[in-house]
């Protein structure tokens, strides 16, 4: 299991970023969540049993219309969390 914890900076709130990320995730075998942060960033936790699947998901986010809204991405490799099932938007 491979997991990533990401923080996106840019025009990423109020533009459907979380919804679009969830839609993209539906095309992959990905578990995780996405949420807005009070400081204007978006936080994403994503994991998959297949490292290539996870990387393809993250690339699809960058290559989608969301990519033009992202100014900076901070990515940290983290241990997977077996309690995370499915992909959700945290409000």
PDB file of N, CA and C in Angstrom:
ATOM      1  N   UNK A   1       0.851  -1.178   0.000  1.00  0.00           N
ATOM      2  CA  UNK A   1       0.000   0.000   0.000  1.00  0.00           C
ATOM      3  C   UNK A   1       0.894   1.238   0.000  1.00  0.00           C
ATOM      4  N   UNK A   2       0.586   2.178  -0.867  1.00  0.00           N
ATOM      5  CA  UNK A   2       1.326   3.427  -0.999  1.00  0.00           C
ATOM      6  C   UNK A   2       0.387   4.581  -0.696  1.00  0.00           C
ATOM      7  N   UNK A   3       0.862   5.570   0.041  1.00  0.00           N
ATOM      8  CA  UNK A   3       0.014   6.713   0.395  1.00  0.00           C
ATOM      9  C   UNK A   3       0.776   8.019   0.218  1.00  0.00           C
ATOM     10  N   UNK A   4       0.016   9.064  -0.086  1.00  0.00           N
ATOM     11  CA  UNK A   4       0.569  10.416  -0.226  1.00  0.00           C
ATOM     12  C   UNK A   4      -0.342  11.398   0.507  1.00  0.00           C
ATOM     13  N   UNK A   5       0.281  12.385   1.126  1.00  0.00           N
ATOM     14  CA  UNK A   5      -0.429  13.476   1.782  1.00  0.00           C
ATOM     15  C   UNK A   5      -0.005  14.740   1.049  1.00  0.00           C
ATOM     16  N   UNK A   6      -0.977  15.428   0.454  1.00  0.00           N
ATOM     17  CA  UNK A   6      -0.660  16.580  -0.388  1.00  0.00           C
ATOM     18  C   UNK A   6      -1.383  17.826   0.083  1.00  0.00           C
ATOM     19  N   UNK A   7      -0.745  18.967  -0.181  1.00  0.00           N
ATOM     20  CA  UNK A   7      -1.346  20.265   0.071  1.00  0.00           C
ATOM     21  C   UNK A   7      -1.232  21.072  -1.221  1.00  0.00           C
ATOM     22  N   UNK A   8      -2.379  21.550  -1.716  1.00  0.00           N
ATOM     23  CA  UNK A   8      -2.414  22.341  -2.944  1.00  0.00           C
ATOM     24  C   UNK A   8      -2.644  23.806  -2.589  1.00  0.00           C
ATOM     25  N   UNK A   9      -1.832  24.673  -3.191  1.00  0.00           N
ATOM     26  CA  UNK A   9      -1.945  26.111  -3.026  1.00  0.00           C
ATOM     27  C   UNK A   9      -2.292  26.717  -4.382  1.00  0.00           C
ATOM     28  N   UNK A  10      -3.040  27.797  -4.365  1.00  0.00           N
ATOM     29  CA  UNK A  10      -3.436  28.478  -5.592  1.00  0.00           C
ATOM     30  C   UNK A  10      -4.895  28.880  -5.489  1.00  0.00           C
ATOM     31  N   UNK A  11      -5.565  28.941  -6.620  1.00  0.00           N
ATOM     32  CA  UNK A  11      -7.002  29.241  -6.636  1.00  0.00           C
ATOM     33  C   UNK A  11      -7.736  27.907  -6.547  1.00  0.00           C
ATOM     34  N   UNK A  12      -7.687  27.285  -5.377  1.00  0.00           N
ATOM     35  CA  UNK A  12      -8.162  25.914  -5.230  1.00  0.00           C
ATOM     36  C   UNK A  12      -9.420  25.789  -4.375  1.00  0.00           C
ATOM     37  N   UNK A  13      -9.920  26.895  -3.851  1.00  0.00           N
ATOM     38  CA  UNK A  13     -11.174  26.843  -3.097  1.00  0.00           C
ATOM     39  C   UNK A  13     -12.237  27.654  -3.816  1.00  0.00           C
ATOM     40  N   UNK A  14     -13.482  27.168  -3.743  1.00  0.00           N
ATOM     41  CA  UNK A  14     -14.597  27.855  -4.390  1.00  0.00           C
ATOM     42  C   UNK A  14     -14.659  27.628  -5.888  1.00  0.00           C
ATOM     43  N   UNK A  15     -13.927  26.637  -6.383  1.00  0.00           N
ATOM     44  CA  UNK A  15     -13.877  26.377  -7.827  1.00  0.00           C
ATOM     45  C   UNK A  15     -14.231  24.927  -8.171  1.00  0.00           C
ATOM     46  N   UNK A  16     -14.731  24.167  -7.187  1.00  0.00           N
ATOM     47  CA  UNK A  16     -15.087  22.769  -7.431  1.00  0.00           C
ATOM     48  C   UNK A  16     -13.914  21.814  -7.363  1.00  0.00           C
ATOM     49  N   UNK A  17     -12.839  22.233  -6.727  1.00  0.00           N
ATOM     50  CA  UNK A  17     -11.628  21.408  -6.664  1.00  0.00           C
ATOM     51  C   UNK A  17     -11.892  20.074  -5.977  1.00  0.00           C
ATOM     52  N   UNK A  18     -12.559  20.108  -4.829  1.00  0.00           N
ATOM     53  CA  UNK A  18     -12.811  18.863  -4.088  1.00  0.00           C
ATOM     54  C   UNK A  18     -13.724  17.929  -4.881  1.00  0.00           C
ATOM     55  N   UNK A  19     -14.791  18.477  -5.438  1.00  0.00           N
ATOM     56  CA  UNK A  19     -15.725  17.664  -6.224  1.00  0.00           C
ATOM     57  C   UNK A  19     -15.019  17.036  -7.421  1.00  0.00           C
ATOM     58  N   UNK A  20     -14.242  17.834  -8.131  1.00  0.00           N
ATOM     59  CA  UNK A  20     -13.529  17.319  -9.307  1.00  0.00           C
ATOM     60  C   UNK A  20     -12.512  16.252  -8.915  1.00  0.00           C
ATOM     61  N   UNK A  21     -11.837  16.446  -7.791  1.00  0.00           N
ATOM     62  CA  UNK A  21     -10.876  15.451  -7.313  1.00  0.00           C
ATOM     63  C   UNK A  21     -11.580  14.135  -7.003  1.00  0.00           C
ATOM     64  N   UNK A  22     -12.757  14.217  -6.380  1.00  0.00           N
ATOM     65  CA  UNK A  22     -13.528  13.001  -6.082  1.00  0.00           C
ATOM     66  C   UNK A  22     -13.958  12.307  -7.369  1.00  0.00           C
ATOM     67  N   UNK A  23     -14.353  13.087  -8.375  1.00  0.00           N
ATOM     68  CA  UNK A  23     -14.724  12.500  -9.671  1.00  0.00           C
ATOM     69  C   UNK A  23     -13.532  11.791 -10.304  1.00  0.00           C
ATOM     70  N   UNK A  24     -12.378  12.413 -10.277  1.00  0.00           N
ATOM     71  CA  UNK A  24     -11.174  11.793 -10.836  1.00  0.00           C
ATOM     72  C   UNK A  24     -10.860  10.510 -10.072  1.00  0.00           C
ATOM     73  N   UNK A  25     -10.982  10.547  -8.757  1.00  0.00           N
ATOM     74  CA  UNK A  25     -10.691   9.371  -7.927  1.00  0.00           C
ATOM     75  C   UNK A  25     -11.595   8.195  -8.276  1.00  0.00           C
ATOM     76  N   UNK A  26     -12.815   8.473  -8.726  1.00  0.00           N
ATOM     77  CA  UNK A  26     -13.755   7.387  -9.043  1.00  0.00           C
ATOM     78  C   UNK A  26     -13.263   6.520 -10.201  1.00  0.00           C
ATOM     79  N   UNK A  27     -12.336   7.021 -10.989  1.00  0.00           N
ATOM     80  CA  UNK A  27     -11.780   6.260 -12.098  1.00  0.00           C
ATOM     81  C   UNK A  27     -10.566   5.421 -11.714  1.00  0.00           C
ATOM     82  N   UNK A  28     -10.221   5.435 -10.443  1.00  0.00           N
ATOM     83  CA  UNK A  28      -9.031   4.731  -9.964  1.00  0.00           C
ATOM     84  C   UNK A  28      -9.366   3.906  -8.728  1.00  0.00           C
ATOM     85  N   UNK A  29      -8.497   2.973  -8.416  1.00  0.00           N
ATOM     86  CA  UNK A  29      -8.621   2.189  -7.186  1.00  0.00           C
ATOM     87  C   UNK A  29      -7.881   2.946  -6.085  1.00  0.00           C
ATOM     88  N   UNK A  30      -8.523   4.020  -5.625  1.00  0.00           N
ATOM     89  CA  UNK A  30      -7.923   4.953  -4.678  1.00  0.00           C
ATOM     90  C   UNK A  30      -8.825   5.075  -3.455  1.00  0.00           C
ATOM     91  N   UNK A  31      -8.226   5.149  -2.294  1.00  0.00           N
ATOM     92  CA  UNK A  31      -8.952   5.487  -1.067  1.00  0.00           C
ATOM     93  C   UNK A  31      -8.357   6.783  -0.540  1.00  0.00           C
ATOM     94  N   UNK A  32      -9.183   7.581   0.126  1.00  0.00           N
ATOM     95  CA  UNK A  32      -8.668   8.810   0.702  1.00  0.00           C
ATOM     96  C   UNK A  32      -9.732   9.850   0.914  1.00  0.00           C
ATOM     97  N   UNK A  33      -9.288  11.084   1.025  1.00  0.00           N
ATOM     98  CA  UNK A  33     -10.198  12.195   1.260  1.00  0.00           C
ATOM     99  C   UNK A  33      -9.551  13.500   0.793  1.00  0.00           C
ATOM    100  N   UNK A  34     -10.411  14.506   0.639  1.00  0.00           N
ATOM    101  CA  UNK A  34      -9.964  15.829   0.234  1.00  0.00           C
ATOM    102  C   UNK A  34     -10.757  16.847   1.042  1.00  0.00           C
ATOM    103  N   UNK A  35     -10.094  17.925   1.480  1.00  0.00           N
ATOM    104  CA  UNK A  35     -10.812  18.942   2.252  1.00  0.00           C
ATOM    105  C   UNK A  35     -10.170  20.312   2.085  1.00  0.00           C
ATOM    106  N   UNK A  36     -10.991  21.354   2.288  1.00  0.00           N
ATOM    107  CA  UNK A  36     -10.507  22.724   2.298  1.00  0.00           C
ATOM    108  C   UNK A  36      -9.889  23.024   3.656  1.00  0.00           C
ATOM    109  N   UNK A  37      -8.851  23.834   3.645  1.00  0.00           N
ATOM    110  CA  UNK A  37      -8.221  24.282   4.881  1.00  0.00           C
ATOM    111  C   UNK A  37      -8.528  25.762   5.103  1.00  0.00           C
ATOM    112  N   UNK A  38      -8.558  26.215   6.349  1.00  0.00           N
ATOM    113  CA  UNK A  38      -8.866  27.620   6.630  1.00  0.00           C
ATOM    114  C   UNK A  38      -7.898  28.606   5.979  1.00  0.00           C
ATOM    115  N   UNK A  39      -6.675  28.175   5.684  1.00  0.00           N
ATOM    116  CA  UNK A  39      -5.680  29.087   5.102  1.00  0.00           C
ATOM    117  C   UNK A  39      -5.778  29.196   3.581  1.00  0.00           C
ATOM    118  N   UNK A  40      -6.812  28.566   2.971  1.00  0.00           N
ATOM    119  CA  UNK A  40      -7.020  28.680   1.530  1.00  0.00           C
ATOM    120  C   UNK A  40      -6.456  27.536   0.719  1.00  0.00           C
ATOM    121  N   UNK A  41      -5.707  26.640   1.350  1.00  0.00           N
ATOM    122  CA  UNK A  41      -5.179  25.477   0.641  1.00  0.00           C
ATOM    123  C   UNK A  41      -6.210  24.355   0.630  1.00  0.00           C
ATOM    124  N   UNK A  42      -5.936  23.339  -0.196  1.00  0.00           N
ATOM    125  CA  UNK A  42      -6.714  22.104  -0.192  1.00  0.00           C
ATOM    126  C   UNK A  42      -5.775  20.986   0.222  1.00  0.00           C
ATOM    127  N   UNK A  43      -6.259  20.137   1.127  1.00  0.00           N
ATOM    128  CA  UNK A  43      -5.492  19.000   1.628  1.00  0.00           C
ATOM    129  C   UNK A  43      -6.051  17.719   1.024  1.00  0.00           C
ATOM    130  N   UNK A  44      -5.165  16.847   0.578  1.00  0.00           N
ATOM    131  CA  UNK A  44      -5.554  15.578  -0.035  1.00  0.00           C
ATOM    132  C   UNK A  44      -4.757  14.446   0.593  1.00  0.00           C
ATOM    133  N   UNK A  45      -5.457  13.382   0.979  1.00  0.00           N
ATOM    134  CA  UNK A  45      -4.831  12.132   1.441  1.00  0.00           C
ATOM    135  C   UNK A  45      -5.285  11.076   0.459  1.00  0.00           C
ATOM    136  N   UNK A  46      -4.359  10.373  -0.161  1.00  0.00           N
ATOM    137  CA  UNK A  46      -4.725   9.337  -1.134  1.00  0.00           C
ATOM    138  C   UNK A  46      -3.812   8.136  -0.967  1.00  0.00           C
ATOM    139  N   UNK A  47      -4.394   6.949  -1.121  1.00  0.00           N
ATOM    140  CA  UNK A  47      -3.609   5.722  -1.023  1.00  0.00           C
ATOM    141  C   UNK A  47      -4.176   4.665  -1.950  1.00  0.00           C
ATOM    142  N   UNK A  48      -3.294   3.736  -2.328  1.00  0.00           N
ATOM    143  CA  UNK A  48      -3.680   2.646  -3.217  1.00  0.00           C
ATOM    144  C   UNK A  48      -2.740   1.469  -2.983  1.00  0.00           C
ATOM    145  N   UNK A  49      -3.244   0.286  -3.246  1.00  0.00           N
ATOM    146  CA  UNK A  49      -2.404  -0.914  -3.173  1.00  0.00           C
ATOM    147  C   UNK A  49      -1.391  -0.931  -4.305  1.00  0.00           C
ATOM    148  N   UNK A  50      -1.652  -0.150  -5.345  1.00  0.00           N
ATOM    149  CA  UNK A  50      -0.804  -0.101  -6.532  1.00  0.00           C
ATOM    150  C   UNK A  50      -0.166   1.288  -6.641  1.00  0.00           C
ATOM    151  N   UNK A  51       1.138   1.379  -6.464  1.00  0.00           N
ATOM    152  CA  UNK A  51       1.834   2.666  -6.513  1.00  0.00           C
ATOM    153  C   UNK A  51       1.638   3.368  -7.851  1.00  0.00           C
ATOM    154  N   UNK A  52       1.614   2.611  -8.952  1.00  0.00           N
ATOM    155  CA  UNK A  52       1.406   3.213 -10.272  1.00  0.00           C
ATOM    156  C   UNK A  52       0.010   3.815 -10.385  1.00  0.00           C
ATOM    157  N   UNK A  53      -0.971   3.160  -9.777  1.00  0.00           N
ATOM    158  CA  UNK A  53      -2.349   3.665  -9.774  1.00  0.00           C
ATOM    159  C   UNK A  53      -2.418   5.001  -9.037  1.00  0.00           C
ATOM    160  N   UNK A  54      -1.750   5.081  -7.912  1.00  0.00           N
ATOM    161  CA  UNK A  54      -1.727   6.316  -7.137  1.00  0.00           C
ATOM    162  C   UNK A  54      -1.061   7.433  -7.926  1.00  0.00           C
ATOM    163  N   UNK A  55       0.071   7.153  -8.529  1.00  0.00           N
ATOM    164  CA  UNK A  55       0.773   8.175  -9.313  1.00  0.00           C
ATOM    165  C   UNK A  55      -0.062   8.630 -10.509  1.00  0.00           C
ATOM    166  N   UNK A  56      -0.757   7.703 -11.163  1.00  0.00           N
ATOM    167  CA  UNK A  56      -1.615   8.061 -12.299  1.00  0.00           C
ATOM    168  C   UNK A  56      -2.755   8.968 -11.845  1.00  0.00           C
ATOM    169  N   UNK A  57      -3.336   8.686 -10.688  1.00  0.00           N
ATOM    170  CA  UNK A  57      -4.399   9.523 -10.126  1.00  0.00           C
ATOM    171  C   UNK A  57      -3.889  10.940  -9.884  1.00  0.00           C
ATOM    172  N   UNK A  58      -2.732  11.065  -9.253  1.00  0.00           N
ATOM    173  CA  UNK A  58      -2.177  12.385  -8.964  1.00  0.00           C
ATOM    174  C   UNK A  58      -1.816  13.129 -10.247  1.00  0.00           C
ATOM    175  N   UNK A  59      -1.328  12.415 -11.241  1.00  0.00           N
ATOM    176  CA  UNK A  59      -1.034  13.036 -12.542  1.00  0.00           C
ATOM    177  C   UNK A  59      -2.313  13.513 -13.215  1.00  0.00           C
ATOM    178  N   UNK A  60      -3.394  12.740 -13.101  1.00  0.00           N
ATOM    179  CA  UNK A  60      -4.666  13.152 -13.697  1.00  0.00           C
ATOM    180  C   UNK A  60      -5.185  14.437 -13.068  1.00  0.00           C
ATOM    181  N   UNK A  61      -4.967  14.617 -11.777  1.00  0.00           N
ATOM    182  CA  UNK A  61      -5.365  15.876 -11.142  1.00  0.00           C
ATOM    183  C   UNK A  61      -4.597  17.022 -11.790  1.00  0.00           C
ATOM    184  N   UNK A  62      -3.288  16.884 -11.913  1.00  0.00           N
ATOM    185  CA  UNK A  62      -2.452  17.940 -12.504  1.00  0.00           C
ATOM    186  C   UNK A  62      -2.800  18.195 -13.965  1.00  0.00           C
ATOM    187  N   UNK A  63      -3.164  17.143 -14.693  1.00  0.00           N
ATOM    188  CA  UNK A  63      -3.442  17.275 -16.125  1.00  0.00           C
ATOM    189  C   UNK A  63      -4.879  17.673 -16.428  1.00  0.00           C
ATOM    190  N   UNK A  64      -5.734  17.715 -15.408  1.00  0.00           N
ATOM    191  CA  UNK A  64      -7.124  18.120 -15.603  1.00  0.00           C
ATOM    192  C   UNK A  64      -7.202  19.647 -15.593  1.00  0.00           C
ATOM    193  N   UNK A  65      -8.412  20.174 -15.660  1.00  0.00           N
ATOM    194  CA  UNK A  65      -8.592  21.626 -15.577  1.00  0.00           C
ATOM    195  C   UNK A  65      -8.133  22.170 -14.227  1.00  0.00           C
ATOM    196  N   UNK A  66      -8.039  21.308 -13.230  1.00  0.00           N
ATOM    197  CA  UNK A  66      -7.558  21.740 -11.912  1.00  0.00           C
ATOM    198  C   UNK A  66      -6.102  22.180 -11.967  1.00  0.00           C
ATOM    199  N   UNK A  67      -5.336  21.594 -12.857  1.00  0.00           N
ATOM    200  CA  UNK A  67      -3.914  21.896 -12.953  1.00  0.00           C
ATOM    201  C   UNK A  67      -3.623  23.373 -13.136  1.00  0.00           C
ATOM    202  N   UNK A  68      -4.480  24.070 -13.882  1.00  0.00           N
ATOM    203  CA  UNK A  68      -4.255  25.497 -14.124  1.00  0.00           C
ATOM    204  C   UNK A  68      -4.547  26.341 -12.883  1.00  0.00           C
ATOM    205  N   UNK A  69      -5.243  25.769 -11.909  1.00  0.00           N
ATOM    206  CA  UNK A  69      -5.582  26.489 -10.680  1.00  0.00           C
ATOM    207  C   UNK A  69      -4.536  26.295  -9.587  1.00  0.00           C
ATOM    208  N   UNK A  70      -3.696  25.281  -9.764  1.00  0.00           N
ATOM    209  CA  UNK A  70      -2.704  24.927  -8.747  1.00  0.00           C
ATOM    210  C   UNK A  70      -1.431  25.742  -8.959  1.00  0.00           C
ATOM    211  N   UNK A  71      -1.036  26.470  -7.920  1.00  0.00           N
ATOM    212  CA  UNK A  71       0.204  27.236  -7.976  1.00  0.00           C
ATOM    213  C   UNK A  71       1.367  26.415  -7.422  1.00  0.00           C
ATOM    214  N   UNK A  72       1.099  25.664  -6.356  1.00  0.00           N
ATOM    215  CA  UNK A  72       2.155  24.877  -5.712  1.00  0.00           C
ATOM    216  C   UNK A  72       1.545  23.619  -5.108  1.00  0.00           C
ATOM    217  N   UNK A  73       2.311  22.534  -5.146  1.00  0.00           N
ATOM    218  CA  UNK A  73       1.895  21.277  -4.531  1.00  0.00           C
ATOM    219  C   UNK A  73       2.994  20.803  -3.600  1.00  0.00           C
ATOM    220  N   UNK A  74       2.622  20.537  -2.360  1.00  0.00           N
ATOM    221  CA  UNK A  74       3.544  19.931  -1.398  1.00  0.00           C
ATOM    222  C   UNK A  74       3.100  18.484  -1.224  1.00  0.00           C
ATOM    223  N   UNK A  75       4.019  17.555  -1.409  1.00  0.00           N
ATOM    224  CA  UNK A  75       3.693  16.131  -1.337  1.00  0.00           C
ATOM    225  C   UNK A  75       4.605  15.435  -0.343  1.00  0.00           C
ATOM    226  N   UNK A  76       3.998  14.610   0.508  1.00  0.00           N
ATOM    227  CA  UNK A  76       4.749  13.841   1.491  1.00  0.00           C
ATOM    228  C   UNK A  76       4.322  12.381   1.381  1.00  0.00           C
ATOM    229  N   UNK A  77       5.297  11.485   1.276  1.00  0.00           N
ATOM    230  CA  UNK A  77       4.994  10.052   1.328  1.00  0.00           C
ATOM    231  C   UNK A  77       4.732   9.709   2.787  1.00  0.00           C
ATOM    232  N   UNK A  78       3.619   9.031   3.032  1.00  0.00           N
ATOM    233  CA  UNK A  78       3.217   8.690   4.398  1.00  0.00           C
ATOM    234  C   UNK A  78       2.828   7.223   4.469  1.00  0.00           C
ATOM    235  N   UNK A  79       2.788   6.655   5.656  1.00  0.00           N
ATOM    236  CA  UNK A  79       2.317   5.271   5.781  1.00  0.00           C
ATOM    237  C   UNK A  79       0.831   5.191   5.437  1.00  0.00           C
ATOM    238  N   UNK A  80       0.430   4.130   4.794  1.00  0.00           N
ATOM    239  CA  UNK A  80      -0.983   3.929   4.468  1.00  0.00           C
ATOM    240  C   UNK A  80      -1.779   3.719   5.748  1.00  0.00           C
ATOM    241  N   UNK A  81      -3.067   3.987   5.667  1.00  0.00           N
ATOM    242  CA  UNK A  81      -3.971   3.838   6.807  1.00  0.00           C
ATOM    243  C   UNK A  81      -5.096   2.894   6.404  1.00  0.00           C
ATOM    244  N   UNK A  82      -5.082   1.687   6.924  1.00  0.00           N
ATOM    245  CA  UNK A  82      -6.068   0.668   6.550  1.00  0.00           C
ATOM    246  C   UNK A  82      -7.491   1.066   6.924  1.00  0.00           C
ATOM    247  N   UNK A  83      -7.647   2.043   7.810  1.00  0.00           N
ATOM    248  CA  UNK A  83      -8.992   2.494   8.193  1.00  0.00           C
ATOM    249  C   UNK A  83      -9.651   3.349   7.120  1.00  0.00           C
ATOM    250  N   UNK A  84      -8.867   3.889   6.187  1.00  0.00           N
ATOM    251  CA  UNK A  84      -9.415   4.743   5.130  1.00  0.00           C
ATOM    252  C   UNK A  84      -9.971   3.859   4.024  1.00  0.00           C
ATOM    253  N   UNK A  85     -11.284   3.953   3.814  1.00  0.00           N
ATOM    254  CA  UNK A  85     -11.970   3.148   2.799  1.00  0.00           C
ATOM    255  C   UNK A  85     -12.779   4.088   1.918  1.00  0.00           C
ATOM    256  N   UNK A  86     -12.698   3.901   0.611  1.00  0.00           N
ATOM    257  CA  UNK A  86     -13.419   4.776  -0.306  1.00  0.00           C
ATOM    258  C   UNK A  86     -12.753   6.135  -0.391  1.00  0.00           C
ATOM    259  N   UNK A  87     -13.385   7.039  -1.145  1.00  0.00           N
ATOM    260  CA  UNK A  87     -12.845   8.385  -1.292  1.00  0.00           C
ATOM    261  C   UNK A  87     -13.948   9.369  -0.953  1.00  0.00           C
ATOM    262  N   UNK A  88     -13.656  10.328  -0.086  1.00  0.00           N
ATOM    263  CA  UNK A  88     -14.701  11.239   0.368  1.00  0.00           C
ATOM    264  C   UNK A  88     -14.226  12.683   0.396  1.00  0.00           C
ATOM    265  N   UNK A  89     -15.209  13.566   0.406  1.00  0.00           N
ATOM    266  CA  UNK A  89     -14.974  14.988   0.610  1.00  0.00           C
ATOM    267  C   UNK A  89     -15.266  15.262   2.076  1.00  0.00           C
ATOM    268  N   UNK A  90     -14.306  15.832   2.766  1.00  0.00           N
ATOM    269  CA  UNK A  90     -14.511  16.219   4.160  1.00  0.00           C
ATOM    270  C   UNK A  90     -14.918  17.682   4.166  1.00  0.00           C
ATOM    271  N   UNK A  91     -16.005  17.964   4.826  1.00  0.00           N
ATOM    272  CA  UNK A  91     -16.521  19.341   4.892  1.00  0.00           C
ATOM    273  C   UNK A  91     -16.223  19.961   6.234  1.00  0.00           C
TER     274      UNK A  91
END
